[in-house]
Amino acid sequence: MNVNDVSVLEMINRIIASDRLNKKQILQIVQLASIADNLKELEENMRWESAKS
């Protein structure tokens, strides 16, 4: 996903607000968004990363 796209940024902002992410998690979701193809993949990647840590 293109993190410079307005719709992607809005989606990331909704996730940040609804999950009340901290600074580390926000940086992590932005990095994962750049490699994810869609929202489902981004959410799976976030679950995987939180399970690793």
Protein backbone atom coordinates (compact mmCIF):
# COMPACT_ATOMS: atom_id res chain seq x y z
CA MET A 1 0.00 0.00 0.00
CA ASN A 2 1.16 3.51 -0.71
CA VAL A 3 1.45 5.31 2.65
CA ASN A 4 1.34 8.64 0.81
CA ASP A 5 -2.17 7.90 -0.47
CA VAL A 6 -4.88 9.82 1.38
CA SER A 7 -7.19 6.80 1.76
CA VAL A 8 -4.36 4.68 3.20
CA LEU A 9 -3.44 7.44 5.65
CA GLU A 10 -7.07 7.73 6.73
CA MET A 11 -7.25 3.97 7.27
CA ILE A 12 -4.03 4.01 9.33
CA ASN A 13 -5.37 6.93 11.38
CA ARG A 14 -8.59 5.01 12.10
CA ILE A 15 -6.57 1.99 13.26
CA ILE A 16 -4.34 4.18 15.44
CA ALA A 17 -7.34 5.90 17.03
CA SER A 18 -9.47 2.80 17.54
CA ASP A 19 -6.64 0.66 18.95
CA ARG A 20 -5.04 3.56 20.85
CA LEU A 21 -1.59 2.65 19.59
CA ASN A 22 1.56 3.94 21.23
CA LYS A 23 4.48 5.55 19.36
CA LYS A 24 6.28 2.26 18.76
CA GLN A 25 3.13 0.63 17.41
CA ILE A 26 2.42 3.62 15.16
CA LEU A 27 5.87 3.40 13.60
CA GLN A 28 5.42 -0.34 13.21
CA ILE A 29 2.04 -0.03 11.45
CA VAL A 30 3.39 2.57 9.02
CA GLN A 31 6.32 0.31 8.15
CA LEU A 32 4.02 -2.69 7.73
CA ALA A 33 1.56 -0.69 5.63
CA SER A 34 4.28 0.05 3.10
CA ILE A 35 4.78 -3.69 2.47
CA ALA A 36 1.17 -4.86 2.82
CA ASP A 37 -1.05 -5.24 -0.23
CA ASN A 38 -4.35 -4.58 1.55
CA LEU A 39 -6.00 -3.98 4.92
CA LYS A 40 -6.42 -7.69 5.69
CA GLU A 41 -2.72 -8.34 5.13
CA LEU A 42 -1.81 -5.32 7.26
CA GLU A 43 -3.94 -6.58 10.14
CA GLU A 44 -2.40 -10.07 9.85
CA ASN A 45 1.09 -8.55 9.87
CA MET A 46 0.24 -6.51 12.97
CA ARG A 47 -1.00 -9.62 14.78
CA TRP A 48 2.15 -11.49 13.76
CA GLU A 49 4.43 -8.69 14.95
CA SER A 50 2.61 -8.37 18.29
CA ALA A 51 2.89 -12.14 18.79
CA LYS A 52 6.65 -11.98 18.14
CA SER A 53 7.25 -9.26 20.72
